[in-house]
Structures are given as C-alpha cells and as structure tokens.
Amino acid sequence: MDAEKRKILVKEIDHWRRSKLLPEHYCDFLMNLYMDETTPKPASIMGVSASSIANSSWKIWLVILAVIAALALSALNFNSFGMPMQIGISSLFVIICYVFAYRQHSKSPVVSYMLCGVSALALLLLGVYIMDMYEVTSPYSYIGYLAFCSVVWLINGVAGRMGIFQLCGWLGLVGTYGWLLLQKLDNPGWFSLEISWIPVSIVLIWIAWLAHHTNKQAAGVLLLVGMLVWFAPEAMTFLTDVEISSRVIQLSFTGKLVTAGAAFFMLRKKWVEWVV
C-alpha cells in the first residue's frame, strides 16, 4: 500500500476514534496496522488528538473549567472546612487520581505511574497535614496512618503490577513494625533484635516462593524486601540508641552477609526463576 493511501486510512481511523464509531482498542489496533515510519501521525496534545480539541464542544470546556475552579477553590479554602469536609475532599482527590491512572495504564504507562505517585504522596501528606492541623500528638496515630497508607500503596502496586509501589508499601509496613518493636522492647539486646527480625525475613521469602508461580513481579519485590529485613537488626543499631557492642554488630553483619551470599549462590537456579 502506498503512502498516500496509508495517510487517508490513518485520517479515517482517527475520525472513527473521535466519532466513537469503533471502540478505542480497535482503533489502536488498526492504527498500528496501517501506520509506518513514513506515515505522519495525527497531531496530539497529551494523548488527545488536535482535531478532537479543535472540534470539541463548549460543554466539555465548561466542565473542565468547573472542575479546575472547584479544585482551586477547595485548595484555597481547605483550612476553613470542617474535618469531615477536609477528609472528603482529600479522599475524592486521591480517588480521582487513581481512576485516571488506571484509565491511562495501558495507553500511557508513564502518565499512569505519575498519577499513582501523586495519589500516593497526596494520601500521605494530606493525612499528616490534617492530623497536624487538629493537633493530634499521639505517635501511634501517625504510625497507624503510615501503615494504612502502606497498605493502600501495596494494593495499588499489586493491582497495577507496579513494583515501585509494592516496594514502598512493604517498606512502610516494615518501618511500622520496627517502630512498634522499639516501643515494646525495653533496651533490646542483640539476640532480641535478631529473634524479632529473622523470622519476618524468612516468612517474606517463603511468601515470595509461593507467589512466584502467579506473579513474578510481586515475588521479586518480596524477595528483595525479605533480604533487606534480614539485615534490619544491624540497621536498627545505627538508627537508634540501642547499646550493643560495635564488634558484635560487625561480626553479626559479616556472618549474615556470608550466609546470604552462600544461600543465593547455592540456590541460584531456583530463585532466578522467581523473578525472571
């Protein structure tokens, strides 16, 4: 097929897309079928064709302006609203971002990741801002909210197969567990820290092994988190004022590093299958 006919077909397919004569995925399939390197692509702005913008109805523009005005006025008057209204606005904003993120997941993965990132940050920062505004001083409230955000990030990461959000969710939950551990243990020693973290690491790696048949990405993230948790006791001694001899910490870290390296080497043919 010559270039002129391809150009005509591409314009016709773009017309079908704008007129909703064919479903979106059919138009994408036909567009990929008839387009080549020499065929000019329809001009677009942020994924919307220029012709769609030029021929758009005034009603669409009115709705867009109304949404922008509502968001701007809500942000400017956020402090004057009551707590239920603030929570409702924040939740609505986060939900809208997630909805648009999943709508763009197959069309534009980069935009989807960005919207999910905005949603994740908004969920965390707006919640902390509201608690700070109402002078919530209990550290348990903040750490509990972090755990809630981590669960949301984890669910979003698994549902959207986004490894970075799965990792953030697991790290948030691990951090919550570490904080609660320090609250419950009075001046913990080396053995107390090791016995508190090593079983968690083993359980995470075991879950990764169970999950690798159905979701390799989740299995890879769990394997990584499990290995990070393996060294969590040594990391806690640097982040807190736990009184443990530096020689004991160094020997413990070296021994666990050698053990982990040997295990990874001997089982390399098995764990590679989890993540590849």
C-alpha atoms as a PDB file:
ATOM      1  CA  MET A   1       0.000   0.000   0.000  1.00  0.00           C
ATOM      2  CA  ASP A   2       1.416   3.365  -0.989  1.00  0.00           C
ATOM      3  CA  ALA A   3       1.974   6.243   1.414  1.00  0.00           C
ATOM      4  CA  GLU A   4      -0.989   8.308   0.180  1.00  0.00           C
ATOM      5  CA  LYS A   5      -3.489   5.522   0.837  1.00  0.00           C
ATOM      6  CA  ARG A   6      -1.973   4.898   4.271  1.00  0.00           C
ATOM      7  CA  LYS A   7      -2.349   8.594   5.074  1.00  0.00           C
ATOM      8  CA  ILE A   8      -6.029   8.531   4.070  1.00  0.00           C
ATOM      9  CA  LEU A   9      -6.674   5.404   6.147  1.00  0.00           C
ATOM     10  CA  VAL A  10      -4.953   6.889   9.204  1.00  0.00           C
ATOM     11  CA  LYS A  11      -7.140  10.006   8.972  1.00  0.00           C
ATOM     12  CA  GLU A  12     -10.240   7.838   8.599  1.00  0.00           C
ATOM     13  CA  ILE A  13      -9.322   5.730  11.639  1.00  0.00           C
ATOM     14  CA  ASP A  14      -8.736   8.912  13.629  1.00  0.00           C
ATOM     15  CA  HIS A  15     -12.210  10.073  12.562  1.00  0.00           C
ATOM     16  CA  TRP A  16     -13.707   6.766  13.733  1.00  0.00           C
ATOM     17  CA  ARG A  17     -11.972   7.214  17.085  1.00  0.00           C
ATOM     18  CA  ARG A  18     -13.279  10.750  17.557  1.00  0.00           C
ATOM     19  CA  SER A  19     -16.791   9.828  16.431  1.00  0.00           C
ATOM     20  CA  LYS A  20     -16.868   6.715  18.674  1.00  0.00           C
ATOM     21  CA  LEU A  21     -17.771   4.608  15.635  1.00  0.00           C
ATOM     22  CA  LEU A  22     -15.337   1.933  16.798  1.00  0.00           C
ATOM     23  CA  PRO A  23     -14.043   1.010  20.277  1.00  0.00           C
ATOM     24  CA  GLU A  24     -10.756   2.577  21.335  1.00  0.00           C
ATOM     25  CA  HIS A  25      -8.749  -0.652  21.252  1.00  0.00           C
ATOM     26  CA  TYR A  26      -9.940  -1.450  17.721  1.00  0.00           C
ATOM     27  CA  CYS A  27      -8.788   1.974  16.554  1.00  0.00           C
ATOM     28  CA  ASP A  28      -5.412   1.446  18.241  1.00  0.00           C
ATOM     29  CA  PHE A  29      -5.044  -1.931  16.503  1.00  0.00           C
ATOM     30  CA  LEU A  30      -5.914  -0.513  13.079  1.00  0.00           C
ATOM     31  CA  MET A  31      -3.651   2.490  13.638  1.00  0.00           C
ATOM     32  CA  ASN A  32      -0.687   0.240  14.421  1.00  0.00           C
ATOM     33  CA  LEU A  33      -1.561  -1.945  11.436  1.00  0.00           C
ATOM     34  CA  TYR A  34      -1.602   0.779   8.808  1.00  0.00           C
ATOM     35  CA  MET A  35       0.952   3.216  10.158  1.00  0.00           C
ATOM     36  CA  ASP A  36       4.641   3.001   9.296  1.00  0.00           C
ATOM     37  CA  GLU A  37       7.653   5.268   9.707  1.00  0.00           C
ATOM     38  CA  THR A  38       6.744   7.333   6.646  1.00  0.00           C
ATOM     39  CA  THR A  39       3.095   7.846   7.595  1.00  0.00           C
ATOM     40  CA  PRO A  40       2.567  11.089   9.516  1.00  0.00           C
ATOM     41  CA  LYS A  41       0.959  10.539  12.901  1.00  0.00           C
ATOM     42  CA  PRO A  42      -2.128  12.575  13.811  1.00  0.00           C
ATOM     43  CA  ALA A  43      -1.123  15.606  15.858  1.00  0.00           C
ATOM     44  CA  SER A  44      -1.948  15.222  19.529  1.00  0.00           C
ATOM     45  CA  ILE A  45      -1.571  17.080  22.827  1.00  0.00           C
ATOM     46  CA  MET A  46      -1.055  14.877  25.898  1.00  0.00           C
ATOM     47  CA  GLY A  47      -2.616  11.935  24.086  1.00  0.00           C
ATOM     48  CA  VAL A  48      -5.635  13.881  22.775  1.00  0.00           C
ATOM     49  CA  SER A  49      -5.719  14.464  19.024  1.00  0.00           C
ATOM     50  CA  ALA A  50      -5.515  18.049  17.848  1.00  0.00           C
ATOM     51  CA  SER A  51      -8.627  17.596  15.730  1.00  0.00           C
ATOM     52  CA  SER A  52     -10.600  16.441  18.797  1.00  0.00           C
ATOM     53  CA  ILE A  53      -9.588  19.596  20.656  1.00  0.00           C
ATOM     54  CA  ALA A  54     -10.374  21.825  17.678  1.00  0.00           C
ATOM     55  CA  ASN A  55     -13.839  20.284  17.218  1.00  0.00           C
ATOM     56  CA  SER A  56     -14.697  19.900  20.906  1.00  0.00           C
ATOM     57  CA  SER A  57     -17.982  21.178  22.299  1.00  0.00           C
ATOM     58  CA  TRP A  58     -18.258  24.216  24.547  1.00  0.00           C
ATOM     59  CA  LYS A  59     -19.917  21.968  27.144  1.00  0.00           C
ATOM     60  CA  ILE A  60     -16.708  19.964  27.560  1.00  0.00           C
ATOM     61  CA  TRP A  61     -14.707  23.157  28.086  1.00  0.00           C
ATOM     62  CA  LEU A  62     -17.275  24.344  30.640  1.00  0.00           C
ATOM     63  CA  VAL A  63     -16.993  21.091  32.592  1.00  0.00           C
ATOM     64  CA  ILE A  64     -13.176  21.244  32.553  1.00  0.00           C
ATOM     65  CA  LEU A  65     -13.176  24.858  33.778  1.00  0.00           C
ATOM     66  CA  ALA A  66     -15.706  24.000  36.502  1.00  0.00           C
ATOM     67  CA  VAL A  67     -13.533  21.104  37.731  1.00  0.00           C
ATOM     68  CA  ILE A  68     -10.393  23.273  37.768  1.00  0.00           C
ATOM     69  CA  ALA A  69     -12.261  26.045  39.622  1.00  0.00           C
ATOM     70  CA  ALA A  70     -13.641  23.572  42.171  1.00  0.00           C
ATOM     71  CA  LEU A  71     -10.170  22.126  42.846  1.00  0.00           C
ATOM     72  CA  ALA A  72      -8.587  25.565  43.144  1.00  0.00           C
ATOM     73  CA  LEU A  73     -11.286  26.927  45.488  1.00  0.00           C
ATOM     74  CA  SER A  74     -11.146  23.753  47.605  1.00  0.00           C
ATOM     75  CA  ALA A  75      -7.375  24.149  47.981  1.00  0.00           C
ATOM     76  CA  LEU A  76      -7.618  27.860  48.836  1.00  0.00           C
ATOM     77  CA  ASN A  77     -10.348  27.327  51.446  1.00  0.00           C
ATOM     78  CA  PHE A  78      -9.147  23.952  52.728  1.00  0.00           C
ATOM     79  CA  ASN A  79      -8.308  25.223  56.228  1.00  0.00           C
ATOM     80  CA  SER A  80     -11.770  26.770  56.699  1.00  0.00           C
ATOM     81  CA  PHE A  81     -13.596  23.481  56.106  1.00  0.00           C
ATOM     82  CA  GLY A  82     -14.519  21.091  58.896  1.00  0.00           C
ATOM     83  CA  MET A  83     -12.666  17.821  59.354  1.00  0.00           C
ATOM     84  CA  PRO A  84     -15.291  15.656  57.550  1.00  0.00           C
ATOM     85  CA  MET A  85     -15.209  18.020  54.567  1.00  0.00           C
ATOM     86  CA  GLN A  86     -11.404  18.026  54.511  1.00  0.00           C
ATOM     87  CA  ILE A  87     -11.257  14.235  54.650  1.00  0.00           C
ATOM     88  CA  GLY A  88     -13.906  14.002  51.919  1.00  0.00           C
ATOM     89  CA  ILE A  89     -12.098  16.410  49.583  1.00  0.00           C
ATOM     90  CA  SER A  90      -8.756  14.690  50.160  1.00  0.00           C
ATOM     91  CA  SER A  91     -10.250  11.248  49.564  1.00  0.00           C
ATOM     92  CA  LEU A  92     -12.033  12.422  46.413  1.00  0.00           C
ATOM     93  CA  PHE A  93      -8.816  13.888  45.011  1.00  0.00           C
ATOM     94  CA  VAL A  94      -6.877  10.686  45.691  1.00  0.00           C
ATOM     95  CA  ILE A  95      -9.624   8.502  44.186  1.00  0.00           C
ATOM     96  CA  ILE A  96      -9.865  10.678  41.053  1.00  0.00           C
ATOM     97  CA  CYS A  97      -6.100  10.452  40.539  1.00  0.00           C
ATOM     98  CA  TYR A  98      -6.190   6.668  40.899  1.00  0.00           C
ATOM     99  CA  VAL A  99      -9.126   6.366  38.469  1.00  0.00           C
ATOM    100  CA  PHE A 100      -7.327   8.400  35.812  1.00  0.00           C
ATOM    101  CA  ALA A 101      -4.122   6.466  36.490  1.00  0.00           C
ATOM    102  CA  TYR A 102      -5.784   3.142  35.753  1.00  0.00           C
ATOM    103  CA  ARG A 103      -7.543   4.529  32.681  1.00  0.00           C
ATOM    104  CA  GLN A 104      -4.143   5.531  31.302  1.00  0.00           C
ATOM    105  CA  HIS A 105      -2.331   2.373  32.399  1.00  0.00           C
ATOM    106  CA  SER A 106      -2.396   0.638  29.016  1.00  0.00           C
ATOM    107  CA  LYS A 107      -2.273   3.777  26.853  1.00  0.00           C
ATOM    108  CA  SER A 108       0.440   5.721  28.653  1.00  0.00           C
ATOM    109  CA  PRO A 109       2.270   3.858  31.464  1.00  0.00           C
ATOM    110  CA  VAL A 110       4.424   6.906  32.303  1.00  0.00           C
ATOM    111  CA  VAL A 111       1.355   9.078  32.927  1.00  0.00           C
ATOM    112  CA  SER A 112      -0.189   6.267  34.953  1.00  0.00           C
ATOM    113  CA  TYR A 113       2.907   5.991  37.165  1.00  0.00           C
ATOM    114  CA  MET A 114       2.963   9.771  37.664  1.00  0.00           C
ATOM    115  CA  LEU A 115      -0.704   9.899  38.668  1.00  0.00           C
ATOM    116  CA  CYS A 116      -0.244   6.991  41.078  1.00  0.00           C
ATOM    117  CA  GLY A 117       2.759   8.799  42.559  1.00  0.00           C
ATOM    118  CA  VAL A 118       0.710  11.983  43.017  1.00  0.00           C
ATOM    119  CA  SER A 119      -2.061   9.934  44.652  1.00  0.00           C
ATOM    120  CA  ALA A 120       0.377   8.190  46.999  1.00  0.00           C
ATOM    121  CA  LEU A 121       2.023  11.442  48.111  1.00  0.00           C
ATOM    122  CA  ALA A 122      -1.330  13.220  48.459  1.00  0.00           C
ATOM    123  CA  LEU A 123      -2.701  10.376  50.587  1.00  0.00           C
ATOM    124  CA  LEU A 124       0.260  10.566  52.957  1.00  0.00           C
ATOM    125  CA  LEU A 125       0.833  14.342  53.118  1.00  0.00           C
ATOM    126  CA  LEU A 126      -2.822  15.417  53.309  1.00  0.00           C
ATOM    127  CA  GLY A 127      -3.498  12.945  56.107  1.00  0.00           C
ATOM    128  CA  VAL A 128      -0.476  14.122  58.101  1.00  0.00           C
ATOM    129  CA  TYR A 129      -1.438  17.753  57.441  1.00  0.00           C
ATOM    130  CA  ILE A 130      -4.979  17.232  58.739  1.00  0.00           C
ATOM    131  CA  MET A 131      -3.734  15.446  61.880  1.00  0.00           C
ATOM    132  CA  ASP A 132      -1.205  18.216  62.492  1.00  0.00           C
ATOM    133  CA  MET A 133      -3.893  20.867  61.965  1.00  0.00           C
ATOM    134  CA  TYR A 134      -6.085  19.300  64.648  1.00  0.00           C
ATOM    135  CA  GLU A 135      -3.063  18.877  66.956  1.00  0.00           C
ATOM    136  CA  VAL A 136      -3.015  15.106  67.035  1.00  0.00           C
ATOM    137  CA  THR A 137       0.039  14.377  69.170  1.00  0.00           C
ATOM    138  CA  SER A 138      -0.123  10.614  69.669  1.00  0.00           C
ATOM    139  CA  PRO A 139       2.717   8.955  67.720  1.00  0.00           C
ATOM    140  CA  TYR A 140       0.528   5.848  67.420  1.00  0.00           C
ATOM    141  CA  SER A 141      -1.917   7.844  65.269  1.00  0.00           C
ATOM    142  CA  TYR A 142       0.829   8.840  62.849  1.00  0.00           C
ATOM    143  CA  ILE A 143       2.398   5.388  62.658  1.00  0.00           C
ATOM    144  CA  GLY A 144      -1.050   3.841  62.244  1.00  0.00           C
ATOM    145  CA  TYR A 145      -1.795   6.201  59.375  1.00  0.00           C
ATOM    146  CA  LEU A 146       1.557   5.309  57.785  1.00  0.00           C
ATOM    147  CA  ALA A 147       0.568   1.644  57.980  1.00  0.00           C
ATOM    148  CA  PHE A 148      -2.775   2.461  56.330  1.00  0.00           C
ATOM    149  CA  CYS A 149      -1.036   4.356  53.500  1.00  0.00           C
ATOM    150  CA  SER A 150       1.417   1.494  53.074  1.00  0.00           C
ATOM    151  CA  VAL A 151      -1.426  -0.989  52.651  1.00  0.00           C
ATOM    152  CA  VAL A 152      -3.046   1.266  50.018  1.00  0.00           C
ATOM    153  CA  TRP A 153       0.293   1.576  48.153  1.00  0.00           C
ATOM    154  CA  LEU A 154       0.791  -2.180  48.330  1.00  0.00           C
ATOM    155  CA  ILE A 155      -2.690  -2.964  46.991  1.00  0.00           C
ATOM    156  CA  ASN A 156      -2.236  -0.397  44.219  1.00  0.00           C
ATOM    157  CA  GLY A 157       1.144  -1.869  43.310  1.00  0.00           C
ATOM    158  CA  VAL A 158      -0.163  -5.430  43.144  1.00  0.00           C
ATOM    159  CA  ALA A 159      -3.350  -4.496  41.251  1.00  0.00           C
ATOM    160  CA  GLY A 160      -1.495  -2.325  38.735  1.00  0.00           C
ATOM    161  CA  ARG A 161       1.630  -4.522  38.633  1.00  0.00           C
ATOM    162  CA  MET A 162       3.777  -1.552  39.642  1.00  0.00           C
ATOM    163  CA  GLY A 163       6.824  -2.826  41.506  1.00  0.00           C
ATOM    164  CA  ILE A 164       7.890   0.521  42.971  1.00  0.00           C
ATOM    165  CA  PHE A 165       4.580   0.933  44.843  1.00  0.00           C
ATOM    166  CA  GLN A 166       4.721  -2.633  46.111  1.00  0.00           C
ATOM    167  CA  LEU A 167       8.216  -1.919  47.440  1.00  0.00           C
ATOM    168  CA  CYS A 168       7.099   1.333  49.094  1.00  0.00           C
ATOM    169  CA  GLY A 169       4.139  -0.421  50.690  1.00  0.00           C
ATOM    170  CA  TRP A 170       6.256  -3.240  52.111  1.00  0.00           C
ATOM    171  CA  LEU A 171       8.942  -0.827  53.365  1.00  0.00           C
ATOM    172  CA  GLY A 172       6.259   1.263  55.075  1.00  0.00           C
ATOM    173  CA  LEU A 173       4.881  -1.801  56.848  1.00  0.00           C
ATOM    174  CA  VAL A 174       8.387  -2.943  57.794  1.00  0.00           C
ATOM    175  CA  GLY A 175       9.131   0.511  59.193  1.00  0.00           C
ATOM    176  CA  THR A 176       5.880   0.398  61.184  1.00  0.00           C
ATOM    177  CA  TYR A 177       6.857  -2.978  62.624  1.00  0.00           C
ATOM    178  CA  GLY A 178      10.321  -1.679  63.551  1.00  0.00           C
ATOM    179  CA  TRP A 179       8.878   1.342  65.346  1.00  0.00           C
ATOM    180  CA  LEU A 180       6.390  -0.782  67.304  1.00  0.00           C
ATOM    181  CA  LEU A 181       9.200  -3.169  68.165  1.00  0.00           C
ATOM    182  CA  LEU A 182      11.232  -0.383  69.747  1.00  0.00           C
ATOM    183  CA  GLN A 183       8.198   0.729  71.748  1.00  0.00           C
ATOM    184  CA  LYS A 184       7.634  -2.730  73.170  1.00  0.00           C
ATOM    185  CA  LEU A 185      11.243  -3.784  73.810  1.00  0.00           C
ATOM    186  CA  ASP A 186      12.955  -2.000  76.678  1.00  0.00           C
ATOM    187  CA  ASN A 187      16.639  -1.529  75.719  1.00  0.00           C
ATOM    188  CA  PRO A 188      16.724  -4.544  73.359  1.00  0.00           C
ATOM    189  CA  GLY A 189      19.906  -6.581  73.028  1.00  0.00           C
ATOM    190  CA  TRP A 190      21.445  -8.267  70.015  1.00  0.00           C
ATOM    191  CA  PHE A 191      19.585 -11.562  70.492  1.00  0.00           C
ATOM    192  CA  SER A 192      16.216  -9.813  70.984  1.00  0.00           C
ATOM    193  CA  LEU A 193      16.591  -7.887  67.723  1.00  0.00           C
ATOM    194  CA  GLU A 194      17.717 -10.916  65.764  1.00  0.00           C
ATOM    195  CA  ILE A 195      14.881 -13.130  67.004  1.00  0.00           C
ATOM    196  CA  SER A 196      12.394 -10.332  66.228  1.00  0.00           C
ATOM    197  CA  TRP A 197      13.510  -9.805  62.619  1.00  0.00           C
ATOM    198  CA  ILE A 198      14.898 -13.068  61.225  1.00  0.00           C
ATOM    199  CA  PRO A 199      11.530 -14.934  61.299  1.00  0.00           C
ATOM    200  CA  VAL A 200       9.940 -11.987  59.458  1.00  0.00           C
ATOM    201  CA  SER A 201      12.614 -12.219  56.768  1.00  0.00           C
ATOM    202  CA  ILE A 202      12.107 -15.966  56.389  1.00  0.00           C
ATOM    203  CA  VAL A 203       8.319 -15.576  56.141  1.00  0.00           C
ATOM    204  CA  LEU A 204       8.617 -12.894  53.437  1.00  0.00           C
ATOM    205  CA  ILE A 205      10.987 -15.042  51.373  1.00  0.00           C
ATOM    206  CA  TRP A 206       8.682 -18.034  51.825  1.00  0.00           C
ATOM    207  CA  ILE A 207       5.691 -15.980  50.599  1.00  0.00           C
ATOM    208  CA  ALA A 208       7.817 -14.899  47.616  1.00  0.00           C
ATOM    209  CA  TRP A 209       8.401 -18.565  46.796  1.00  0.00           C
ATOM    210  CA  LEU A 210       4.646 -19.240  46.988  1.00  0.00           C
ATOM    211  CA  ALA A 211       3.808 -16.214  44.819  1.00  0.00           C
ATOM    212  CA  HIS A 212       6.346 -16.739  42.033  1.00  0.00           C
ATOM    213  CA  HIS A 213       4.057 -19.138  40.141  1.00  0.00           C
ATOM    214  CA  THR A 214       1.351 -16.494  39.701  1.00  0.00           C
ATOM    215  CA  ASN A 215       3.077 -13.114  39.999  1.00  0.00           C
ATOM    216  CA  LYS A 216       6.819 -12.972  39.384  1.00  0.00           C
ATOM    217  CA  GLN A 217       6.990  -9.218  39.952  1.00  0.00           C
ATOM    218  CA  ALA A 218       5.426  -9.494  43.410  1.00  0.00           C
ATOM    219  CA  ALA A 219       7.720 -12.435  44.162  1.00  0.00           C
ATOM    220  CA  GLY A 220      10.767 -10.388  43.179  1.00  0.00           C
ATOM    221  CA  VAL A 221       9.708  -7.492  45.392  1.00  0.00           C
ATOM    222  CA  LEU A 222       9.065  -9.821  48.334  1.00  0.00           C
ATOM    223  CA  LEU A 223      12.452 -11.466  47.842  1.00  0.00           C
ATOM    224  CA  LEU A 224      14.136  -8.050  47.894  1.00  0.00           C
ATOM    225  CA  VAL A 225      12.213  -6.932  50.992  1.00  0.00           C
ATOM    226  CA  GLY A 226      12.976 -10.232  52.718  1.00  0.00           C
ATOM    227  CA  MET A 227      16.703  -9.736  52.118  1.00  0.00           C
ATOM    228  CA  LEU A 228      16.544  -6.147  53.418  1.00  0.00           C
ATOM    229  CA  VAL A 229      14.733  -7.338  56.543  1.00  0.00           C
ATOM    230  CA  TRP A 230      17.477  -9.957  57.009  1.00  0.00           C
ATOM    231  CA  PHE A 231      19.853  -7.075  57.817  1.00  0.00           C
ATOM    232  CA  ALA A 232      17.273  -4.963  59.693  1.00  0.00           C
ATOM    233  CA  PRO A 233      18.663  -5.705  63.209  1.00  0.00           C
ATOM    234  CA  GLU A 234      22.057  -4.278  62.258  1.00  0.00           C
ATOM    235  CA  ALA A 235      20.419  -1.281  60.583  1.00  0.00           C
ATOM    236  CA  MET A 236      18.377  -0.527  63.710  1.00  0.00           C
ATOM    237  CA  THR A 237      21.536  -0.196  65.807  1.00  0.00           C
ATOM    238  CA  PHE A 238      22.622   2.740  63.588  1.00  0.00           C
ATOM    239  CA  LEU A 239      19.210   4.413  63.537  1.00  0.00           C
ATOM    240  CA  THR A 240      18.526   4.133  67.284  1.00  0.00           C
ATOM    241  CA  ASP A 241      20.383   4.354  70.574  1.00  0.00           C
ATOM    242  CA  VAL A 242      20.479   0.616  71.194  1.00  0.00           C
ATOM    243  CA  GLU A 243      23.511  -0.196  73.329  1.00  0.00           C
ATOM    244  CA  ILE A 244      25.248  -3.076  71.538  1.00  0.00           C
ATOM    245  CA  SER A 245      28.974  -3.503  71.043  1.00  0.00           C
ATOM    246  CA  SER A 246      30.158  -2.405  67.587  1.00  0.00           C
ATOM    247  CA  ARG A 247      32.276  -5.579  67.347  1.00  0.00           C
ATOM    248  CA  VAL A 248      29.164  -7.716  67.846  1.00  0.00           C
ATOM    249  CA  ILE A 249      27.305  -5.732  65.167  1.00  0.00           C
ATOM    250  CA  GLN A 250      30.160  -6.072  62.668  1.00  0.00           C
ATOM    251  CA  LEU A 251      30.540  -9.809  63.283  1.00  0.00           C
ATOM    252  CA  SER A 252      26.792 -10.308  63.013  1.00  0.00           C
ATOM    253  CA  PHE A 253      26.573  -8.348  59.763  1.00  0.00           C
ATOM    254  CA  THR A 254      29.540 -10.193  58.248  1.00  0.00           C
ATOM    255  CA  GLY A 255      28.183 -13.590  59.235  1.00  0.00           C
ATOM    256  CA  LYS A 256      24.731 -12.866  57.832  1.00  0.00           C
ATOM    257  CA  LEU A 257      26.219 -11.423  54.630  1.00  0.00           C
ATOM    258  CA  VAL A 258      28.295 -14.566  54.066  1.00  0.00           C
ATOM    259  CA  THR A 259      25.303 -16.779  54.875  1.00  0.00           C
ATOM    260  CA  ALA A 260      23.039 -14.883  52.467  1.00  0.00           C
ATOM    261  CA  GLY A 261      25.671 -14.907  49.720  1.00  0.00           C
ATOM    262  CA  ALA A 262      26.237 -18.639  50.076  1.00  0.00           C
ATOM    263  CA  ALA A 263      22.496 -19.361  50.069  1.00  0.00           C
ATOM    264  CA  PHE A 264      21.965 -17.223  46.964  1.00  0.00           C
ATOM    265  CA  PHE A 265      24.837 -18.971  45.193  1.00  0.00           C
ATOM    266  CA  MET A 266      23.715 -22.495  46.013  1.00  0.00           C
ATOM    267  CA  LEU A 267      20.065 -21.779  45.186  1.00  0.00           C
ATOM    268  CA  ARG A 268      20.741 -19.500  42.200  1.00  0.00           C
ATOM    269  CA  LYS A 269      18.991 -21.812  39.719  1.00  0.00           C
ATOM    270  CA  LYS A 270      15.811 -21.718  41.796  1.00  0.00           C
ATOM    271  CA  TRP A 271      15.472 -18.088  42.878  1.00  0.00           C
ATOM    272  CA  VAL A 272      16.313 -16.759  39.403  1.00  0.00           C
ATOM    273  CA  GLU A 273      13.105 -18.446  38.205  1.00  0.00           C
ATOM    274  CA  TRP A 274      11.132 -16.408  40.733  1.00  0.00           C
ATOM    275  CA  VAL A 275      11.968 -13.076  39.195  1.00  0.00           C
ATOM    276  CA  VAL A 276      12.663 -13.814  35.505  1.00  0.00           C
END
